[in-house]
Amino acid sequence: MGVSTVVSAATVTMAIATMVAVAPYACRATVHDDHHQLYPVILIPGAGGNQLEARLTAEYKATSWWCNRFYPLKKDEDGWFRLWFDIGVLLAPLTECFADRMTLYYDPEIDDYRNAPGVETRVSHFGSTESLLYLDPSFKHISSYMEPLVESIQQLGYKDTENLFGAPYDFRYGLASEGHPCDVGSTYLQNLKQLIENASNANGGNPVILVSHSLGGLFTLELLNRNPLSWRKQYIKHFIALSAPWGGTVNEMLTFASGNSLGVPLVNPLLVRNEQRSSESNLWLMPRRKQFPQETPLVVTSDSTYSSFDISRFLEDIGFEEGVHPYETRILPLVEELVAPRVPITCIVGNGVLTPETLYYGEEGFDKQPEIVYGDGDGTVNIASLLALVDEWKDEKDQKLKVIELAGISHTSILKDDKSIARIIDEIVTINSDISSSSLVSSL
């Protein structure tokens, strides 16, 4: 996400399917001798893009003997263990344990989401890039996430926790429209705001460069628009959004309908489907009406067709009726408008990668994977969603927007491919040179 990338939130398969280790871009830009002269950078990961820890209390009831005996094998002295990600949960019995502990529950009485009973979770190393580098430090080679990008940024003279920071979060949770409680997501925005202010104050009052991936872009845009323009102008130098799913993605409908293993043969997508459905952030990433018109079929069955205007009916028909109320009351008003924050924004996106556009289900129903018609995008997010800001902000005179399209770059390879990392680094160098970003669209 990444819909993160992306976009699928906390699925047991994301780490393997998306983590291909690539050597960091060997930066050719001028390295600053005095790193305090650089604008501080804060990295905001996508869904599944940072480690998540858990602890089980007496209230927790294991789903099987396997869960009690074999998962987790390692805990610290206070009972905390790494919930996301552990390579061992790819084994089927442990996959079920993992999914059970990752599952969220919407409580209609409090109108908010909560963890499974007996499961406590926390994010480690907030403020540092440490939990963004690898999802499973025991298997760095196959679980690398932002490590190539972080190394390339450090070649410019940046140092972790001095002028380079990470803002990990519990990516299962999302945000809600005004008037609805959202304890975990709102707390994250408060912590991110404080991190921005602290980073600026620790670097001579210089404003901050925000670099997000996938779902992190949605959180960042909400943060900006929930704070006064005077605050934005004081603390934000530039916002670089990588692979942001501004308009949601058809891939989410596949995730909700049938579960999504992202092509990993070891994992049965049905084992993780309920957990994926429970994710508040996944519901946030359903296709948005402005990018997916009513006449565009997204899911087709033997007796029905669903567009972005039929999400509620779709949720009911796949057997997830409990998702309808939070979708209609918390999500639809939240995504109704993409408000321009009036700070400079650069969107870097991939295109030309086959991306699910329409899903066709046969008589077997939603328990079987569909036939897929593909269109343009980054393999996870559709091109209309990636470029949503171009159309919606074309009349915004006070909004600087630059869009860089990278041919053949996927949703996750944007953090690893030499070409994409080079463009990200070039943007950071340009911003540090204080060259204003002009409003344009460029392509590679």
Protein backbone atom coordinates (compact mmCIF):
# COMPACT_ATOMS: atom_id res chain seq x y z
CA MET A 1 0.00 0.00 0.00
CA GLY A 2 2.54 -0.96 1.06
CA VAL A 3 -2.27 -0.54 -0.55
CA SER A 4 -0.07 -0.48 -0.15
CA THR A 5 0.51 -1.25 -0.85
CA VAL A 6 -0.67 -1.61 -0.57
CA VAL A 7 -2.02 -1.88 -0.37
CA SER A 8 -3.33 -4.97 1.23
CA ALA A 9 -2.98 -4.37 4.88
CA ALA A 10 -1.47 -6.83 7.27
CA THR A 11 -1.65 -10.01 5.32
CA VAL A 12 0.55 -12.93 6.10
CA THR A 13 1.86 -12.96 2.56
CA MET A 14 2.92 -9.40 1.91
CA ALA A 15 6.44 -9.75 3.24
CA ILE A 16 7.39 -12.59 0.90
CA ALA A 17 5.50 -11.41 -2.15
CA THR A 18 6.82 -7.87 -2.10
CA MET A 19 10.23 -7.97 -0.51
CA VAL A 20 12.91 -8.44 -3.18
CA ALA A 21 16.27 -7.23 -2.00
CA VAL A 22 17.98 -4.78 -4.32
CA ALA A 23 21.21 -2.93 -3.70
CA PRO A 24 20.58 0.70 -2.71
CA TYR A 25 20.96 3.39 -5.32
CA ALA A 26 24.52 4.65 -5.41
CA CYS A 27 23.78 8.32 -5.10
CA ARG A 28 25.63 10.61 -7.46
CA ALA A 29 24.42 13.80 -5.82
CA THR A 30 26.64 16.08 -3.78
CA VAL A 31 26.85 14.89 -0.19
CA HIS A 32 26.48 17.58 2.43
CA ASP A 33 29.37 17.79 4.86
CA ASP A 34 27.19 19.37 7.55
CA HIS A 35 24.09 17.22 7.82
CA HIS A 36 22.39 19.83 10.01
CA GLN A 37 22.02 22.01 6.90
CA LEU A 38 19.72 19.43 5.34
CA TYR A 39 15.98 19.66 5.69
CA PRO A 40 14.96 16.85 8.05
CA VAL A 41 13.22 13.86 6.41
CA ILE A 42 10.46 11.75 7.96
CA LEU A 43 9.50 8.41 6.35
CA ILE A 44 5.89 7.23 6.66
CA PRO A 45 5.51 3.56 5.58
CA GLY A 46 2.65 1.85 3.82
CA ALA A 47 0.39 -0.91 5.13
CA GLY A 48 2.53 -3.73 6.45
CA GLY A 49 5.64 -1.58 6.09
CA ASN A 50 6.88 -1.67 9.68
CA GLN A 51 7.22 -4.20 12.47
CA LEU A 52 4.37 -4.67 14.94
CA GLU A 53 4.68 -6.30 18.37
CA ALA A 54 2.07 -8.10 20.46
CA ARG A 55 1.56 -9.48 23.96
CA LEU A 56 -1.09 -11.97 25.06
CA THR A 57 -3.02 -11.51 28.30
CA ALA A 58 -4.99 -13.98 30.38
CA GLU A 59 -8.09 -13.03 28.39
CA TYR A 60 -6.65 -14.52 25.20
CA LYS A 61 -8.04 -17.88 24.12
CA ALA A 62 -5.86 -19.76 21.64
CA THR A 63 -7.60 -21.18 18.58
CA SER A 64 -5.56 -24.40 18.62
CA TRP A 65 -2.89 -26.39 20.42
CA TRP A 66 -0.43 -25.25 17.75
CA CYS A 67 -0.94 -21.63 18.81
CA ASN A 68 -0.13 -22.38 22.43
CA ARG A 69 2.81 -24.63 21.71
CA PHE A 70 4.65 -23.17 18.75
CA TYR A 71 3.69 -19.51 18.27
CA PRO A 72 5.49 -17.46 19.22
CA LEU A 73 8.72 -19.28 19.94
CA LYS A 74 10.47 -16.14 21.22
CA LYS A 75 9.19 -13.52 23.69
CA ASP A 76 10.98 -10.89 25.71
CA GLU A 77 10.86 -10.86 29.50
CA ASP A 78 7.61 -8.88 29.46
CA GLY A 79 5.91 -11.24 27.02
CA TRP A 80 6.21 -9.10 23.88
CA PHE A 81 6.91 -10.79 20.54
CA ARG A 82 7.03 -9.68 16.90
CA LEU A 83 3.56 -10.16 15.45
CA TRP A 84 4.34 -8.60 12.08
CA PHE A 85 6.33 -10.06 10.51
CA ASP A 86 7.54 -13.58 11.34
CA ILE A 87 8.48 -15.90 8.47
CA GLY A 88 7.31 -18.90 10.50
CA VAL A 89 3.63 -17.99 10.14
CA LEU A 90 3.72 -19.09 6.51
CA LEU A 91 3.11 -22.61 7.86
CA ALA A 92 -0.65 -23.26 7.64
CA PRO A 93 -1.42 -24.00 11.34
CA LEU A 94 0.53 -20.91 12.40
CA THR A 95 -1.09 -18.82 9.68
CA GLU A 96 -4.42 -19.32 11.45
CA CYS A 97 -2.89 -18.28 14.79
CA PHE A 98 -1.38 -15.21 13.19
CA ALA A 99 -4.63 -14.20 11.48
CA ASP A 100 -6.58 -14.64 14.71
CA ARG A 101 -4.22 -12.34 16.61
CA MET A 102 -4.14 -9.73 13.84
CA THR A 103 -7.92 -9.53 13.53
CA LEU A 104 -9.67 -6.29 14.50
CA TYR A 105 -13.24 -5.95 15.74
CA TYR A 106 -15.58 -3.06 15.09
CA ASP A 107 -17.57 -2.25 18.23
CA PRO A 108 -20.82 -0.48 17.24
CA GLU A 109 -21.41 0.65 20.83
CA ILE A 110 -18.26 2.77 20.91
CA ASP A 111 -18.18 3.26 17.11
CA ASP A 112 -14.52 2.30 16.93
CA TYR A 113 -12.18 -0.61 16.27
CA ARG A 114 -10.31 -2.69 18.86
CA ASN A 115 -7.89 -5.62 19.04
CA ALA A 116 -8.94 -9.22 19.49
CA PRO A 117 -9.69 -10.06 23.14
CA GLY A 118 -6.50 -10.69 25.08
CA VAL A 119 -4.19 -9.24 22.41
CA GLU A 120 -2.17 -6.09 23.13
CA THR A 121 -0.17 -4.49 20.33
CA ARG A 122 2.46 -1.79 20.08
CA VAL A 123 4.73 -0.19 17.50
CA SER A 124 8.44 -0.23 18.23
CA HIS A 125 11.12 2.38 17.54
CA PHE A 126 8.81 5.30 16.71
CA GLY A 127 10.97 8.16 15.49
CA SER A 128 13.64 5.84 14.07
CA THR A 129 13.84 4.09 10.71
CA GLU A 130 14.81 0.81 12.44
CA SER A 131 11.44 -0.97 12.18
CA LEU A 132 11.01 0.16 8.55
CA LEU A 133 14.21 -1.42 7.24
CA TYR A 134 13.30 -5.11 7.56
CA LEU A 135 10.02 -6.73 8.53
CA ASP A 136 11.79 -9.79 9.95
CA PRO A 137 15.37 -8.91 11.02
CA SER A 138 16.22 -12.63 11.11
CA PHE A 139 15.67 -12.79 7.34
CA LYS A 140 16.94 -9.44 6.11
CA HIS A 141 17.51 -10.58 2.55
CA ILE A 142 13.87 -11.47 1.86
CA SER A 143 12.13 -9.06 4.24
CA SER A 144 13.81 -5.80 3.25
CA TYR A 145 11.33 -2.91 2.98
CA MET A 146 12.76 0.62 3.13
CA GLU A 147 16.37 -0.42 3.68
CA PRO A 148 17.56 0.43 0.12
CA LEU A 149 15.88 3.84 0.24
CA VAL A 150 17.15 4.62 3.73
CA GLU A 151 20.74 3.75 2.78
CA SER A 152 20.54 5.99 -0.27
CA ILE A 153 19.15 8.89 1.79
CA GLN A 154 21.94 8.41 4.32
CA GLN A 155 24.49 8.82 1.52
CA LEU A 156 23.35 12.44 1.34
CA GLY A 157 24.57 12.97 4.89
CA TYR A 158 21.40 12.10 6.76
CA LYS A 159 21.63 10.27 10.10
CA ASP A 160 18.94 8.24 11.82
CA THR A 161 17.10 10.06 14.64
CA GLU A 162 19.13 13.24 13.97
CA ASN A 163 17.68 14.49 10.69
CA LEU A 164 16.21 11.24 9.34
CA PHE A 165 13.23 9.76 11.13
CA GLY A 166 10.67 6.99 10.77
CA ALA A 167 7.01 7.13 11.73
CA PRO A 168 5.79 3.51 12.01
CA TYR A 169 2.19 2.82 13.02
CA ASP A 170 -0.38 0.06 13.53
CA PHE A 171 -1.40 -0.12 9.90
CA ARG A 172 -4.46 -2.28 10.58
CA TYR A 173 -6.21 0.80 11.92
CA GLY A 174 -7.30 3.69 9.74
CA LEU A 175 -9.02 7.04 10.18
CA ALA A 176 -12.67 8.03 10.25
CA SER A 177 -14.71 11.00 9.11
CA GLU A 178 -15.41 13.93 11.42
CA GLY A 179 -17.61 13.12 14.38
CA HIS A 180 -16.50 9.50 14.71
CA PRO A 181 -13.99 8.26 17.30
CA CYS A 182 -10.80 6.77 15.97
CA ASP A 183 -8.53 6.27 18.93
CA VAL A 184 -5.54 4.48 17.37
CA GLY A 185 -5.45 6.43 14.11
CA SER A 186 -5.96 9.80 15.76
CA THR A 187 -3.25 9.07 18.33
CA TYR A 188 -0.87 8.25 15.48
CA LEU A 189 -1.57 11.61 13.82
CA GLN A 190 -0.86 13.37 17.12
CA ASN A 191 2.42 11.48 17.51
CA LEU A 192 3.38 12.21 13.90
CA LYS A 193 2.65 15.91 14.39
CA GLN A 194 4.84 15.96 17.49
CA LEU A 195 7.62 14.15 15.62
CA ILE A 196 7.48 16.76 12.84
CA GLU A 197 7.75 19.61 15.33
CA ASN A 198 10.57 17.93 17.26
CA ALA A 199 12.49 17.15 14.04
CA SER A 200 12.20 20.75 12.92
CA ASN A 201 13.20 22.19 16.29
CA ALA A 202 16.21 19.85 16.49
CA ASN A 203 17.38 21.01 13.05
CA GLY A 204 17.49 24.75 13.49
CA GLY A 205 13.79 25.28 12.82
CA ASN A 206 14.06 23.94 9.27
CA PRO A 207 10.77 22.59 7.93
CA VAL A 208 10.41 18.88 7.26
CA ILE A 209 10.32 16.77 4.08
CA LEU A 210 7.68 14.06 4.43
CA VAL A 211 8.22 10.91 2.33
CA SER A 212 5.35 8.43 2.38
CA HIS A 213 4.71 5.10 0.72
CA SER A 214 1.25 3.80 -0.26
CA LEU A 215 -1.26 4.04 2.63
CA GLY A 216 1.15 6.36 4.42
CA GLY A 217 0.25 9.01 1.84
CA LEU A 218 -3.39 8.98 2.93
CA PHE A 219 -2.43 9.39 6.58
CA THR A 220 -0.05 12.22 5.66
CA LEU A 221 -2.66 14.11 3.64
CA GLU A 222 -5.13 13.80 6.52
CA LEU A 223 -2.50 15.06 8.97
CA LEU A 224 -1.84 18.13 6.84
CA ASN A 225 -5.49 19.00 6.39
CA ARG A 226 -6.30 18.51 10.06
CA ASN A 227 -3.81 21.19 11.08
CA PRO A 228 -3.92 24.95 10.39
CA LEU A 229 -2.32 26.36 7.26
CA SER A 230 0.02 28.42 9.45
CA TRP A 231 1.32 25.18 11.03
CA ARG A 232 1.80 23.57 7.62
CA LYS A 233 3.73 26.53 6.29
CA GLN A 234 5.98 26.60 9.36
CA TYR A 235 6.78 22.89 9.61
CA ILE A 236 6.37 21.31 6.15
CA LYS A 237 8.90 21.96 3.41
CA HIS A 238 7.64 19.33 0.94
CA PHE A 239 5.56 16.17 0.77
CA ILE A 240 6.80 13.32 -1.47
CA ALA A 241 4.13 10.63 -1.93
CA LEU A 242 5.22 7.29 -3.39
CA SER A 243 2.54 5.02 -4.91
CA ALA A 244 -0.26 6.67 -2.96
CA PRO A 245 -3.71 5.05 -3.52
CA TRP A 246 -5.63 8.33 -3.47
CA GLY A 247 -8.71 6.75 -5.02
CA GLY A 248 -8.50 3.27 -3.54
CA THR A 249 -7.96 0.14 -5.59
CA VAL A 250 -9.89 -2.71 -7.23
CA ASN A 251 -7.38 -5.04 -5.58
CA GLU A 252 -9.15 -4.37 -2.27
CA MET A 253 -12.36 -5.84 -3.62
CA LEU A 254 -10.46 -9.04 -4.41
CA THR A 255 -9.03 -9.02 -0.87
CA PHE A 256 -12.46 -8.67 0.72
CA ALA A 257 -14.19 -11.16 -1.56
CA SER A 258 -11.71 -14.02 -1.70
CA GLY A 259 -8.69 -13.21 0.42
CA ASN A 260 -5.40 -12.21 -1.14
CA SER A 261 -2.24 -14.32 -0.94
CA LEU A 262 -0.46 -12.13 -3.53
CA GLY A 263 0.47 -15.26 -5.43
CA VAL A 264 2.39 -17.01 -2.64
CA PRO A 265 1.60 -20.72 -3.11
CA LEU A 266 2.19 -21.67 0.54
CA VAL A 267 -0.75 -19.62 1.77
CA ASN A 268 -4.44 -20.35 1.29
CA PRO A 269 -6.04 -16.90 0.86
CA LEU A 270 -9.15 -18.08 2.70
CA LEU A 271 -7.07 -18.50 5.87
CA VAL A 272 -6.35 -14.78 5.98
CA ARG A 273 -9.58 -13.46 4.45
CA ASN A 274 -11.42 -12.74 7.70
CA GLU A 275 -8.39 -10.95 9.11
CA GLN A 276 -8.05 -8.90 5.93
CA ARG A 277 -11.73 -8.00 6.03
CA SER A 278 -11.42 -6.86 9.64
CA SER A 279 -8.72 -4.30 8.83
CA GLU A 280 -10.05 -0.76 9.16
CA SER A 281 -7.42 0.54 6.76
CA ASN A 282 -8.42 -2.00 4.11
CA LEU A 283 -11.96 -0.64 4.20
CA TRP A 284 -10.50 2.85 3.70
CA LEU A 285 -8.90 1.62 0.46
CA MET A 286 -12.06 0.50 -1.31
CA PRO A 287 -12.43 2.08 -4.80
CA ARG A 288 -13.46 5.72 -4.60
CA ARG A 289 -16.40 6.90 -6.66
CA LYS A 290 -14.63 9.83 -8.31
CA GLN A 291 -11.91 7.62 -9.79
CA PHE A 292 -14.17 4.65 -10.62
CA PRO A 293 -17.42 5.93 -12.24
CA GLN A 294 -20.75 4.23 -11.67
CA GLU A 295 -20.85 2.79 -15.18
CA THR A 296 -17.52 0.99 -14.67
CA PRO A 297 -17.98 -2.64 -13.53
CA LEU A 298 -15.41 -3.67 -10.94
CA VAL A 299 -16.78 -7.05 -9.90
CA VAL A 300 -19.02 -9.24 -12.08
CA THR A 301 -20.74 -12.46 -10.98
CA SER A 302 -23.19 -14.77 -12.74
CA ASP A 303 -26.12 -12.75 -11.41
CA SER A 304 -24.79 -9.33 -10.36
CA THR A 305 -22.45 -6.48 -11.20
CA TYR A 306 -20.80 -4.13 -8.70
CA SER A 307 -19.37 -0.67 -9.26
CA SER A 308 -17.77 1.70 -6.74
CA PHE A 309 -21.32 2.88 -6.01
CA ASP A 310 -22.31 -0.64 -4.90
CA ILE A 311 -19.72 -1.30 -2.19
CA SER A 312 -22.33 -1.73 0.55
CA ARG A 313 -24.26 -4.30 -1.47
CA PHE A 314 -20.97 -5.98 -2.37
CA LEU A 315 -20.00 -6.31 1.30
CA GLU A 316 -23.37 -7.85 2.09
CA ASP A 317 -23.20 -10.31 -0.79
CA ILE A 318 -19.73 -11.58 0.11
CA GLY A 319 -20.96 -12.27 3.65
CA PHE A 320 -19.40 -9.30 5.39
CA GLU A 321 -22.52 -7.44 6.48
CA GLU A 322 -20.77 -6.08 9.57
CA GLY A 323 -18.58 -3.94 7.31
CA VAL A 324 -21.49 -1.98 5.83
CA HIS A 325 -22.17 0.39 8.72
CA PRO A 326 -18.56 1.51 9.30
CA TYR A 327 -18.07 1.85 5.54
CA GLU A 328 -21.12 4.07 5.09
CA THR A 329 -20.67 6.19 8.22
CA ARG A 330 -16.90 6.37 8.74
CA ILE A 331 -15.32 5.81 5.31
CA LEU A 332 -17.60 7.33 2.64
CA PRO A 333 -17.59 10.83 4.21
CA LEU A 334 -13.83 10.57 4.78
CA VAL A 335 -13.04 9.95 1.10
CA GLU A 336 -15.65 12.28 -0.37
CA GLU A 337 -13.09 14.98 -1.11
CA LEU A 338 -9.30 15.12 -1.48
CA VAL A 339 -8.52 18.52 0.01
CA ALA A 340 -5.44 20.33 -1.30
CA PRO A 341 -3.19 21.12 1.71
CA ARG A 342 -1.36 24.00 -0.01
CA VAL A 343 2.11 22.64 0.63
CA PRO A 344 4.32 21.48 -2.27
CA ILE A 345 3.65 17.85 -3.23
CA THR A 346 5.52 15.49 -5.53
CA CYS A 347 3.79 12.23 -6.44
CA ILE A 348 6.08 9.48 -7.76
CA VAL A 349 4.16 6.55 -9.22
CA GLY A 350 4.73 3.50 -11.37
CA ASN A 351 2.72 2.69 -14.47
CA GLY A 352 2.57 0.11 -17.24
CA VAL A 353 2.27 -2.81 -14.80
CA LEU A 354 -0.74 -5.13 -15.15
CA THR A 355 -3.20 -4.16 -12.41
CA PRO A 356 -6.57 -5.76 -11.56
CA GLU A 357 -9.36 -3.75 -13.17
CA THR A 358 -12.37 -6.08 -13.27
CA LEU A 359 -12.96 -9.31 -11.33
CA TYR A 360 -15.14 -12.07 -12.81
CA TYR A 361 -16.60 -14.73 -10.50
CA GLY A 362 -18.20 -17.95 -11.69
CA GLU A 363 -20.87 -20.11 -10.13
CA GLU A 364 -18.43 -21.33 -7.45
CA GLY A 365 -18.82 -17.97 -5.71
CA PHE A 366 -16.38 -15.83 -3.78
CA ASP A 367 -14.45 -18.70 -2.19
CA LYS A 368 -12.71 -19.23 -5.52
CA GLN A 369 -10.22 -16.77 -6.96
CA PRO A 370 -11.72 -14.81 -9.88
CA GLU A 371 -10.68 -14.38 -13.45
CA ILE A 372 -9.09 -10.97 -13.73
CA VAL A 373 -9.09 -8.38 -16.49
CA TYR A 374 -6.07 -6.15 -16.09
CA GLY A 375 -5.50 -2.50 -16.84
CA ASP A 376 -2.83 0.13 -16.22
CA GLY A 377 -1.33 0.86 -12.84
CA ASP A 378 1.53 -0.24 -10.62
CA GLY A 379 0.34 -3.81 -10.16
CA THR A 380 -1.59 -2.96 -6.98
CA VAL A 381 -3.08 0.51 -7.48
CA ASN A 382 -4.98 1.50 -10.61
CA ILE A 383 -3.62 4.41 -12.63
CA ALA A 384 -6.78 6.48 -12.09
CA SER A 385 -6.18 6.28 -8.34
CA LEU A 386 -2.45 7.04 -8.55
CA LEU A 387 -3.13 10.17 -10.64
CA ALA A 388 -6.27 11.29 -8.81
CA LEU A 389 -4.73 14.53 -7.55
CA VAL A 390 -3.94 15.73 -11.09
CA ASP A 391 -7.59 15.78 -12.04
CA GLU A 392 -9.07 16.91 -8.73
CA TRP A 393 -6.63 19.73 -8.10
CA LYS A 394 -6.30 21.09 -11.64
CA ASP A 395 -8.09 24.30 -10.62
CA GLU A 396 -6.24 24.73 -7.31
CA LYS A 397 -4.07 27.78 -7.94
CA ASP A 398 -2.34 27.66 -4.53
CA GLN A 399 -1.37 23.99 -4.74
CA LYS A 400 2.01 23.04 -6.21
CA LEU A 401 1.82 19.52 -7.60
CA LYS A 402 4.47 17.60 -9.51
CA VAL A 403 3.85 14.07 -10.78
CA ILE A 404 6.61 11.72 -11.94
CA GLU A 405 5.52 8.53 -13.72
CA LEU A 406 8.01 5.67 -13.88
CA ALA A 407 7.32 3.08 -16.57
CA GLY A 408 7.36 -0.53 -15.40
CA ILE A 409 7.84 0.27 -11.71
CA SER A 410 5.55 -1.69 -9.40
CA HIS A 411 3.93 -0.67 -6.16
CA THR A 412 6.69 -2.16 -4.02
CA SER A 413 9.69 -2.02 -6.37
CA ILE A 414 9.45 1.78 -6.19
CA LEU A 415 11.34 1.40 -2.89
CA LYS A 416 14.06 -0.81 -4.37
CA ASP A 417 14.52 -0.24 -8.10
CA ASP A 418 17.62 1.79 -9.00
CA LYS A 419 15.67 4.06 -11.34
CA SER A 420 12.94 4.90 -8.85
CA ILE A 421 15.32 5.42 -5.93
CA ALA A 422 17.37 7.73 -8.16
CA ARG A 423 14.29 9.88 -8.80
CA ILE A 424 13.37 9.97 -5.11
CA ILE A 425 16.90 11.00 -4.18
CA ASP A 426 16.94 13.62 -6.95
CA GLU A 427 13.75 15.13 -5.50
CA ILE A 428 15.24 15.29 -2.01
CA VAL A 429 18.42 16.88 -3.38
CA THR A 430 16.38 19.40 -5.37
CA ILE A 431 14.31 20.33 -2.32
CA ASN A 432 17.46 20.76 -0.26
CA SER A 433 18.77 23.05 -2.99
CA ASP A 434 15.64 25.12 -2.34
CA ILE A 435 14.55 24.93 -5.97
CA SER A 436 10.80 25.34 -6.02
CA SER A 437 8.79 22.47 -7.44
CA SER A 438 6.79 23.55 -10.44
CA SER A 439 3.35 22.24 -11.33
CA LEU A 440 3.96 19.72 -14.09
CA VAL A 441 3.64 16.10 -15.07
CA SER A 442 6.74 14.28 -16.30
CA SER A 443 7.20 10.72 -17.52
CA LEU A 444 10.01 8.26 -17.90
